[in-house]
Amino acid sequence: MAFIKFVPQTTVQDICEEFINNTKKSLKRQENLLRQSLQSCDNCAVEDIVKELFENDPFLQAQVHLNSEYKRKMFVQSSPNYVHPTRILLNK
């Protein structure tokens, strides 16, 4: 958003933080529902299953890699489609 729509970095940061917080809330709800469902399982390692499921969530891990202005800027600049800006003097 900052590089394509020219939204200020502070706004992008606020949106990212809220998005991560909402994602965590959603995952916590899913975790609770999963625990309730697995409680009926007699020989299951409920804690291990739940821990592995939520620690390895690829969506949350991706958000952690883009949670700051610096990380987002480095990600964009490392993209093969990124074109470095060139300074052009218009009036001498």
PDB file of N, CA and C in Angstrom:
ATOM      1  N   MET A   1       0.811  -1.190   0.000  1.00  0.00           N
ATOM      2  CA  MET A   1       0.000   0.000   0.000  1.00  0.00           C
ATOM      3  C   MET A   1       0.857   1.257   0.000  1.00  0.00           C
ATOM      4  N   ALA A   2       1.946   1.200   0.735  1.00  0.00           N
ATOM      5  CA  ALA A   2       2.798   2.384   0.820  1.00  0.00           C
ATOM      6  C   ALA A   2       3.462   2.687  -0.513  1.00  0.00           C
ATOM      7  N   PHE A   3       3.859   1.658  -1.231  1.00  0.00           N
ATOM      8  CA  PHE A   3       4.610   1.866  -2.464  1.00  0.00           C
ATOM      9  C   PHE A   3       3.724   1.973  -3.702  1.00  0.00           C
ATOM     10  N   ILE A   4       2.546   1.381  -3.648  1.00  0.00           N
ATOM     11  CA  ILE A   4       1.665   1.404  -4.817  1.00  0.00           C
ATOM     12  C   ILE A   4       0.596   2.489  -4.689  1.00  0.00           C
ATOM     13  N   LYS A   5      -0.026   2.588  -3.514  1.00  0.00           N
ATOM     14  CA  LYS A   5      -1.105   3.560  -3.302  1.00  0.00           C
ATOM     15  C   LYS A   5      -0.638   4.812  -2.563  1.00  0.00           C
ATOM     16  N   PHE A   6       0.640   4.860  -2.183  1.00  0.00           N
ATOM     17  CA  PHE A   6       1.228   6.003  -1.492  1.00  0.00           C
ATOM     18  C   PHE A   6       0.530   6.322  -0.166  1.00  0.00           C
ATOM     19  N   VAL A   7       0.161   5.266   0.547  1.00  0.00           N
ATOM     20  CA  VAL A   7      -0.405   5.407   1.892  1.00  0.00           C
ATOM     21  C   VAL A   7       0.770   5.593   2.847  1.00  0.00           C
ATOM     22  N   PRO A   8       0.680   6.495   3.823  1.00  0.00           N
ATOM     23  CA  PRO A   8       1.799   6.717   4.747  1.00  0.00           C
ATOM     24  C   PRO A   8       2.204   5.436   5.491  1.00  0.00           C
ATOM     25  N   GLN A   9       3.495   5.308   5.746  1.00  0.00           N
ATOM     26  CA  GLN A   9       4.014   4.115   6.433  1.00  0.00           C
ATOM     27  C   GLN A   9       3.370   3.927   7.809  1.00  0.00           C
ATOM     28  N   THR A  10       3.080   5.015   8.498  1.00  0.00           N
ATOM     29  CA  THR A  10       2.464   4.889   9.822  1.00  0.00           C
ATOM     30  C   THR A  10       1.073   4.263   9.722  1.00  0.00           C
ATOM     31  N   THR A  11       0.344   4.614   8.687  1.00  0.00           N
ATOM     32  CA  THR A  11      -0.981   4.035   8.473  1.00  0.00           C
ATOM     33  C   THR A  11      -0.858   2.560   8.120  1.00  0.00           C
ATOM     34  N   VAL A  12       0.093   2.234   7.264  1.00  0.00           N
ATOM     35  CA  VAL A  12       0.324   0.833   6.900  1.00  0.00           C
ATOM     36  C   VAL A  12       0.692   0.033   8.145  1.00  0.00           C
ATOM     37  N   GLN A  13       1.523   0.616   9.023  1.00  0.00           N
ATOM     38  CA  GLN A  13       1.926  -0.060  10.250  1.00  0.00           C
ATOM     39  C   GLN A  13       0.720  -0.325  11.134  1.00  0.00           C
ATOM     40  N   ASP A  14      -0.148   0.663  11.300  1.00  0.00           N
ATOM     41  CA  ASP A  14      -1.356   0.489  12.115  1.00  0.00           C
ATOM     42  C   ASP A  14      -2.252  -0.605  11.545  1.00  0.00           C
ATOM     43  N   ILE A  15      -2.415  -0.612  10.241  1.00  0.00           N
ATOM     44  CA  ILE A  15      -3.247  -1.636   9.598  1.00  0.00           C
ATOM     45  C   ILE A  15      -2.645  -3.020   9.809  1.00  0.00           C
ATOM     46  N   CYS A  16      -1.341  -3.139   9.649  1.00  0.00           N
ATOM     47  CA  CYS A  16      -0.662  -4.429   9.833  1.00  0.00           C
ATOM     48  C   CYS A  16      -0.820  -4.932  11.261  1.00  0.00           C
ATOM     49  N   GLU A  17      -0.640  -4.048  12.234  1.00  0.00           N
ATOM     50  CA  GLU A  17      -0.764  -4.447  13.634  1.00  0.00           C
ATOM     51  C   GLU A  17      -2.183  -4.903  13.957  1.00  0.00           C
ATOM     52  N   GLU A  18      -3.169  -4.181  13.479  1.00  0.00           N
ATOM     53  CA  GLU A  18      -4.560  -4.569  13.725  1.00  0.00           C
ATOM     54  C   GLU A  18      -4.888  -5.882  13.023  1.00  0.00           C
ATOM     55  N   PHE A  19      -4.354  -6.053  11.823  1.00  0.00           N
ATOM     56  CA  PHE A  19      -4.584  -7.291  11.082  1.00  0.00           C
ATOM     57  C   PHE A  19      -3.993  -8.483  11.835  1.00  0.00           C
ATOM     58  N   ILE A  20      -2.792  -8.320  12.358  1.00  0.00           N
ATOM     59  CA  ILE A  20      -2.161  -9.394  13.129  1.00  0.00           C
ATOM     60  C   ILE A  20      -2.953  -9.676  14.399  1.00  0.00           C
ATOM     61  N   ASN A  21      -3.396  -8.639  15.094  1.00  0.00           N
ATOM     62  CA  ASN A  21      -4.181  -8.829  16.314  1.00  0.00           C
ATOM     63  C   ASN A  21      -5.481  -9.575  16.025  1.00  0.00           C
ATOM     64  N   ASN A  22      -6.154  -9.208  14.947  1.00  0.00           N
ATOM     65  CA  ASN A  22      -7.388  -9.899  14.583  1.00  0.00           C
ATOM     66  C   ASN A  22      -7.126 -11.341  14.184  1.00  0.00           C
ATOM     67  N   THR A  23      -6.024 -11.577  13.501  1.00  0.00           N
ATOM     68  CA  THR A  23      -5.662 -12.939  13.124  1.00  0.00           C
ATOM     69  C   THR A  23      -5.391 -13.789  14.360  1.00  0.00           C
ATOM     70  N   LYS A  24      -4.672 -13.217  15.329  1.00  0.00           N
ATOM     71  CA  LYS A  24      -4.396 -13.942  16.567  1.00  0.00           C
ATOM     72  C   LYS A  24      -5.682 -14.268  17.319  1.00  0.00           C
ATOM     73  N   LYS A  25      -6.624 -13.336  17.350  1.00  0.00           N
ATOM     74  CA  LYS A  25      -7.914 -13.588  18.009  1.00  0.00           C
ATOM     75  C   LYS A  25      -8.658 -14.718  17.315  1.00  0.00           C
ATOM     76  N   SER A  26      -8.636 -14.689  15.994  1.00  0.00           N
ATOM     77  CA  SER A  26      -9.298 -15.736  15.225  1.00  0.00           C
ATOM     78  C   SER A  26      -8.654 -17.095  15.478  1.00  0.00           C
ATOM     79  N   LEU A  27      -7.321 -17.127  15.503  1.00  0.00           N
ATOM     80  CA  LEU A  27      -6.614 -18.382  15.758  1.00  0.00           C
ATOM     81  C   LEU A  27      -6.876 -18.894  17.175  1.00  0.00           C
ATOM     82  N   LYS A  28      -6.977 -17.987  18.139  1.00  0.00           N
ATOM     83  CA  LYS A  28      -7.259 -18.391  19.520  1.00  0.00           C
ATOM     84  C   LYS A  28      -8.638 -19.033  19.600  1.00  0.00           C
ATOM     85  N   ARG A  29      -9.593 -18.471  18.879  1.00  0.00           N
ATOM     86  CA  ARG A  29     -10.942 -19.053  18.855  1.00  0.00           C
ATOM     87  C   ARG A  29     -10.896 -20.443  18.221  1.00  0.00           C
ATOM     88  N   GLN A  30     -10.183 -20.577  17.107  1.00  0.00           N
ATOM     89  CA  GLN A  30     -10.056 -21.883  16.462  1.00  0.00           C
ATOM     90  C   GLN A  30      -9.375 -22.878  17.388  1.00  0.00           C
ATOM     91  N   GLU A  31      -8.355 -22.404  18.114  1.00  0.00           N
ATOM     92  CA  GLU A  31      -7.647 -23.266  19.062  1.00  0.00           C
ATOM     93  C   GLU A  31      -8.600 -23.793  20.124  1.00  0.00           C
ATOM     94  N   ASN A  32      -9.431 -22.924  20.667  1.00  0.00           N
ATOM     95  CA  ASN A  32     -10.385 -23.350  21.694  1.00  0.00           C
ATOM     96  C   ASN A  32     -11.383 -24.360  21.155  1.00  0.00           C
ATOM     97  N   LEU A  33     -11.884 -24.124  19.951  1.00  0.00           N
ATOM     98  CA  LEU A  33     -12.811 -25.078  19.343  1.00  0.00           C
ATOM     99  C   LEU A  33     -12.144 -26.414  19.075  1.00  0.00           C
ATOM    100  N   LEU A  34     -10.896 -26.374  18.628  1.00  0.00           N
ATOM    101  CA  LEU A  34     -10.149 -27.603  18.367  1.00  0.00           C
ATOM    102  C   LEU A  34      -9.919 -28.384  19.658  1.00  0.00           C
ATOM    103  N   ARG A  35      -9.552 -27.670  20.723  1.00  0.00           N
ATOM    104  CA  ARG A  35      -9.360 -28.330  22.015  1.00  0.00           C
ATOM    105  C   ARG A  35     -10.645 -29.022  22.476  1.00  0.00           C
ATOM    106  N   GLN A  36     -11.758 -28.327  22.334  1.00  0.00           N
ATOM    107  CA  GLN A  36     -13.036 -28.910  22.745  1.00  0.00           C
ATOM    108  C   GLN A  36     -13.340 -30.162  21.936  1.00  0.00           C
ATOM    109  N   SER A  37     -13.079 -30.118  20.653  1.00  0.00           N
ATOM    110  CA  SER A  37     -13.334 -31.273  19.792  1.00  0.00           C
ATOM    111  C   SER A  37     -12.425 -32.442  20.141  1.00  0.00           C
ATOM    112  N   LEU A  38     -11.156 -32.146  20.465  1.00  0.00           N
ATOM    113  CA  LEU A  38     -10.194 -33.210  20.745  1.00  0.00           C
ATOM    114  C   LEU A  38     -10.328 -33.790  22.155  1.00  0.00           C
ATOM    115  N   GLN A  39     -11.042 -33.110  23.018  1.00  0.00           N
ATOM    116  CA  GLN A  39     -11.209 -33.622  24.380  1.00  0.00           C
ATOM    117  C   GLN A  39     -11.905 -34.980  24.386  1.00  0.00           C
ATOM    118  N   SER A  40     -12.732 -35.232  23.397  1.00  0.00           N
ATOM    119  CA  SER A  40     -13.437 -36.519  23.324  1.00  0.00           C
ATOM    120  C   SER A  40     -12.524 -37.654  22.872  1.00  0.00           C
ATOM    121  N   CYS A  41     -11.357 -37.323  22.349  1.00  0.00           N
ATOM    122  CA  CYS A  41     -10.393 -38.325  21.894  1.00  0.00           C
ATOM    123  C   CYS A  41      -9.662 -38.897  23.107  1.00  0.00           C
ATOM    124  N   ASP A  42      -9.720 -40.212  23.293  1.00  0.00           N
ATOM    125  CA  ASP A  42      -9.162 -40.847  24.483  1.00  0.00           C
ATOM    126  C   ASP A  42      -7.643 -40.908  24.490  1.00  0.00           C
ATOM    127  N   ASN A  43      -7.019 -41.342  23.413  1.00  0.00           N
ATOM    128  CA  ASN A  43      -5.583 -41.576  23.395  1.00  0.00           C
ATOM    129  C   ASN A  43      -4.815 -40.524  22.597  1.00  0.00           C
ATOM    130  N   CYS A  44      -5.346 -39.339  22.473  1.00  0.00           N
ATOM    131  CA  CYS A  44      -4.700 -38.288  21.687  1.00  0.00           C
ATOM    132  C   CYS A  44      -3.821 -37.416  22.583  1.00  0.00           C
ATOM    133  N   ALA A  45      -2.753 -36.939  22.011  1.00  0.00           N
ATOM    134  CA  ALA A  45      -1.905 -35.967  22.700  1.00  0.00           C
ATOM    135  C   ALA A  45      -2.426 -34.588  22.306  1.00  0.00           C
ATOM    136  N   VAL A  46      -3.495 -34.162  22.952  1.00  0.00           N
ATOM    137  CA  VAL A  46      -4.210 -32.944  22.580  1.00  0.00           C
ATOM    138  C   VAL A  46      -3.287 -31.737  22.590  1.00  0.00           C
ATOM    139  N   GLU A  47      -2.532 -31.568  23.653  1.00  0.00           N
ATOM    140  CA  GLU A  47      -1.662 -30.389  23.760  1.00  0.00           C
ATOM    141  C   GLU A  47      -0.624 -30.355  22.645  1.00  0.00           C
ATOM    142  N   ASP A  48      -0.019 -31.488  22.331  1.00  0.00           N
ATOM    143  CA  ASP A  48       0.993 -31.545  21.274  1.00  0.00           C
ATOM    144  C   ASP A  48       0.398 -31.228  19.910  1.00  0.00           C
ATOM    145  N   ILE A  49      -0.792 -31.765  19.650  1.00  0.00           N
ATOM    146  CA  ILE A  49      -1.446 -31.526  18.362  1.00  0.00           C
ATOM    147  C   ILE A  49      -1.779 -30.051  18.196  1.00  0.00           C
ATOM    148  N   VAL A  50      -2.363 -29.449  19.222  1.00  0.00           N
ATOM    149  CA  VAL A  50      -2.761 -28.040  19.160  1.00  0.00           C
ATOM    150  C   VAL A  50      -1.534 -27.138  19.047  1.00  0.00           C
ATOM    151  N   LYS A  51      -0.508 -27.438  19.825  1.00  0.00           N
ATOM    152  CA  LYS A  51       0.717 -26.628  19.806  1.00  0.00           C
ATOM    153  C   LYS A  51       1.358 -26.648  18.418  1.00  0.00           C
ATOM    154  N   GLU A  52       1.483 -27.826  17.842  1.00  0.00           N
ATOM    155  CA  GLU A  52       2.098 -27.953  16.519  1.00  0.00           C
ATOM    156  C   GLU A  52       1.268 -27.239  15.454  1.00  0.00           C
ATOM    157  N   LEU A  53      -0.024 -27.360  15.550  1.00  0.00           N
ATOM    158  CA  LEU A  53      -0.911 -26.751  14.564  1.00  0.00           C
ATOM    159  C   LEU A  53      -0.776 -25.234  14.538  1.00  0.00           C
ATOM    160  N   PHE A  54      -0.728 -24.607  15.706  1.00  0.00           N
ATOM    161  CA  PHE A  54      -0.737 -23.150  15.757  1.00  0.00           C
ATOM    162  C   PHE A  54       0.645 -22.521  15.752  1.00  0.00           C
ATOM    163  N   GLU A  55       1.664 -23.235  16.135  1.00  0.00           N
ATOM    164  CA  GLU A  55       3.018 -22.686  16.059  1.00  0.00           C
ATOM    165  C   GLU A  55       3.523 -22.652  14.626  1.00  0.00           C
ATOM    166  N   ASN A  56       3.035 -23.537  13.796  1.00  0.00           N
ATOM    167  CA  ASN A  56       3.509 -23.636  12.417  1.00  0.00           C
ATOM    168  C   ASN A  56       2.543 -23.016  11.420  1.00  0.00           C
ATOM    169  N   ASP A  57       1.738 -22.072  11.865  1.00  0.00           N
ATOM    170  CA  ASP A  57       0.781 -21.432  10.975  1.00  0.00           C
ATOM    171  C   ASP A  57       1.524 -20.537   9.981  1.00  0.00           C
ATOM    172  N   PRO A  58       1.498 -20.854   8.689  1.00  0.00           N
ATOM    173  CA  PRO A  58       2.270 -20.082   7.709  1.00  0.00           C
ATOM    174  C   PRO A  58       1.766 -18.651   7.552  1.00  0.00           C
ATOM    175  N   PHE A  59       0.472 -18.436   7.727  1.00  0.00           N
ATOM    176  CA  PHE A  59      -0.074 -17.095   7.583  1.00  0.00           C
ATOM    177  C   PHE A  59       0.455 -16.171   8.672  1.00  0.00           C
ATOM    178  N   LEU A  60       0.471 -16.642   9.895  1.00  0.00           N
ATOM    179  CA  LEU A  60       0.975 -15.832  11.004  1.00  0.00           C
ATOM    180  C   LEU A  60       2.482 -15.613  10.872  1.00  0.00           C
ATOM    181  N   GLN A  61       3.216 -16.616  10.433  1.00  0.00           N
ATOM    182  CA  GLN A  61       4.654 -16.461  10.234  1.00  0.00           C
ATOM    183  C   GLN A  61       4.951 -15.421   9.159  1.00  0.00           C
ATOM    184  N   ALA A  62       4.143 -15.388   8.108  1.00  0.00           N
ATOM    185  CA  ALA A  62       4.337 -14.380   7.050  1.00  0.00           C
ATOM    186  C   ALA A  62       4.097 -12.985   7.603  1.00  0.00           C
ATOM    187  N   GLN A  63       3.113 -12.836   8.464  1.00  0.00           N
ATOM    188  CA  GLN A  63       2.836 -11.527   9.050  1.00  0.00           C
ATOM    189  C   GLN A  63       3.990 -11.049   9.920  1.00  0.00           C
ATOM    190  N   VAL A  64       4.637 -11.959  10.614  1.00  0.00           N
ATOM    191  CA  VAL A  64       5.765 -11.592  11.469  1.00  0.00           C
ATOM    192  C   VAL A  64       6.921 -11.066  10.623  1.00  0.00           C
ATOM    193  N   HIS A  65       7.070 -11.599   9.415  1.00  0.00           N
ATOM    194  CA  HIS A  65       8.165 -11.161   8.544  1.00  0.00           C
ATOM    195  C   HIS A  65       7.906  -9.799   7.895  1.00  0.00           C
ATOM    196  N   LEU A  66       6.673  -9.292   8.011  1.00  0.00           N
ATOM    197  CA  LEU A  66       6.335  -8.012   7.388  1.00  0.00           C
ATOM    198  C   LEU A  66       5.754  -7.018   8.393  1.00  0.00           C
ATOM    199  N   ASN A  67       6.094  -7.140   9.651  1.00  0.00           N
ATOM    200  CA  ASN A  67       5.424  -6.346  10.679  1.00  0.00           C
ATOM    201  C   ASN A  67       6.081  -5.004  10.999  1.00  0.00           C
ATOM    202  N   SER A  68       7.034  -4.564  10.194  1.00  0.00           N
ATOM    203  CA  SER A  68       7.633  -3.251  10.420  1.00  0.00           C
ATOM    204  C   SER A  68       7.917  -2.584   9.073  1.00  0.00           C
ATOM    205  N   GLU A  69       8.078  -1.278   9.125  1.00  0.00           N
ATOM    206  CA  GLU A  69       8.363  -0.534   7.902  1.00  0.00           C
ATOM    207  C   GLU A  69       9.648  -1.031   7.243  1.00  0.00           C
ATOM    208  N   TYR A  70      10.673  -1.265   8.057  1.00  0.00           N
ATOM    209  CA  TYR A  70      11.960  -1.727   7.534  1.00  0.00           C
ATOM    210  C   TYR A  70      11.810  -3.080   6.833  1.00  0.00           C
ATOM    211  N   LYS A  71      11.115  -4.007   7.474  1.00  0.00           N
ATOM    212  CA  LYS A  71      10.952  -5.342   6.882  1.00  0.00           C
ATOM    213  C   LYS A  71      10.155  -5.278   5.583  1.00  0.00           C
ATOM    214  N   ARG A  72       9.102  -4.449   5.560  1.00  0.00           N
ATOM    215  CA  ARG A  72       8.317  -4.321   4.324  1.00  0.00           C
ATOM    216  C   ARG A  72       9.159  -3.702   3.215  1.00  0.00           C
ATOM    217  N   LYS A  73       9.946  -2.676   3.540  1.00  0.00           N
ATOM    218  CA  LYS A  73      10.781  -2.009   2.541  1.00  0.00           C
ATOM    219  C   LYS A  73      11.819  -2.983   1.980  1.00  0.00           C
ATOM    220  N   MET A  74      12.446  -3.769   2.845  1.00  0.00           N
ATOM    221  CA  MET A  74      13.434  -4.754   2.392  1.00  0.00           C
ATOM    222  C   MET A  74      12.781  -5.828   1.520  1.00  0.00           C
ATOM    223  N   PHE A  75      11.567  -6.233   1.873  1.00  0.00           N
ATOM    224  CA  PHE A  75      10.847  -7.227   1.080  1.00  0.00           C
ATOM    225  C   PHE A  75      10.563  -6.689  -0.317  1.00  0.00           C
ATOM    226  N   VAL A  76      10.070  -5.456  -0.395  1.00  0.00           N
ATOM    227  CA  VAL A  76       9.762  -4.856  -1.697  1.00  0.00           C
ATOM    228  C   VAL A  76      11.033  -4.698  -2.522  1.00  0.00           C
ATOM    229  N   GLN A  77      12.110  -4.227  -1.898  1.00  0.00           N
ATOM    230  CA  GLN A  77      13.350  -4.012  -2.636  1.00  0.00           C
ATOM    231  C   GLN A  77      14.002  -5.316  -3.085  1.00  0.00           C
ATOM    232  N   SER A  78      13.725  -6.405  -2.400  1.00  0.00           N
ATOM    233  CA  SER A  78      14.305  -7.688  -2.813  1.00  0.00           C
ATOM    234  C   SER A  78      13.469  -8.377  -3.893  1.00  0.00           C
ATOM    235  N   SER A  79      12.342  -7.810  -4.221  1.00  0.00           N
ATOM    236  CA  SER A  79      11.474  -8.378  -5.249  1.00  0.00           C
ATOM    237  C   SER A  79      12.149  -8.255  -6.613  1.00  0.00           C
ATOM    238  N   PRO A  80      12.017  -9.278  -7.462  1.00  0.00           N
ATOM    239  CA  PRO A  80      12.624  -9.190  -8.794  1.00  0.00           C
ATOM    240  C   PRO A  80      11.961  -8.119  -9.669  1.00  0.00           C
ATOM    241  N   ASN A  81      10.757  -7.688  -9.328  1.00  0.00           N
ATOM    242  CA  ASN A  81      10.040  -6.673 -10.112  1.00  0.00           C
ATOM    243  C   ASN A  81      10.331  -5.255  -9.636  1.00  0.00           C
ATOM    244  N   TYR A  82      11.105  -5.112  -8.567  1.00  0.00           N
ATOM    245  CA  TYR A  82      11.383  -3.798  -8.007  1.00  0.00           C
ATOM    246  C   TYR A  82      12.335  -3.025  -8.917  1.00  0.00           C
ATOM    247  N   VAL A  83      11.978  -1.777  -9.198  1.00  0.00           N
ATOM    248  CA  VAL A  83      12.821  -0.892  -9.983  1.00  0.00           C
ATOM    249  C   VAL A  83      13.306   0.208  -9.056  1.00  0.00           C
ATOM    250  N   HIS A  84      14.616   0.298  -8.873  1.00  0.00           N
ATOM    251  CA  HIS A  84      15.187   1.312  -7.985  1.00  0.00           C
ATOM    252  C   HIS A  84      14.907   2.701  -8.545  1.00  0.00           C
ATOM    253  N   PRO A  85      14.543   3.648  -7.676  1.00  0.00           N
ATOM    254  CA  PRO A  85      14.287   5.005  -8.159  1.00  0.00           C
ATOM    255  C   PRO A  85      15.565   5.656  -8.682  1.00  0.00           C
ATOM    256  N   THR A  86      15.396   6.467  -9.687  1.00  0.00           N
ATOM    257  CA  THR A  86      16.510   7.202 -10.280  1.00  0.00           C
ATOM    258  C   THR A  86      16.229   8.695 -10.145  1.00  0.00           C
ATOM    259  N   ARG A  87      17.200   9.422  -9.639  1.00  0.00           N
ATOM    260  CA  ARG A  87      17.040  10.865  -9.481  1.00  0.00           C
ATOM    261  C   ARG A  87      17.270  11.535 -10.835  1.00  0.00           C
ATOM    262  N   ILE A  88      16.334  12.396 -11.195  1.00  0.00           N
ATOM    263  CA  ILE A  88      16.430  13.128 -12.470  1.00  0.00           C
ATOM    264  C   ILE A  88      16.344  14.614 -12.163  1.00  0.00           C
ATOM    265  N   LEU A  89      17.315  15.349 -12.592  1.00  0.00           N
ATOM    266  CA  LEU A  89      17.331  16.795 -12.399  1.00  0.00           C
ATOM    267  C   LEU A  89      16.529  17.423 -13.534  1.00  0.00           C
ATOM    268  N   LEU A  90      15.427  18.103 -13.184  1.00  0.00           N
ATOM    269  CA  LEU A  90      14.550  18.656 -14.204  1.00  0.00           C
ATOM    270  C   LEU A  90      14.913  20.081 -14.606  1.00  0.00           C
ATOM    271  N   ASN A  91      15.509  20.829 -13.693  1.00  0.00           N
ATOM    272  CA  ASN A  91      15.808  22.209 -14.005  1.00  0.00           C
ATOM    273  C   ASN A  91      17.193  22.563 -13.450  1.00  0.00           C
ATOM    274  N   LYS A  92      18.113  22.917 -14.336  1.00  0.00           N
ATOM    275  CA  LYS A  92      19.480  23.226 -13.902  1.00  0.00           C
ATOM    276  C   LYS A  92      19.608  24.665 -13.497  1.00  0.00           C
TER     277      LYS A  92
END
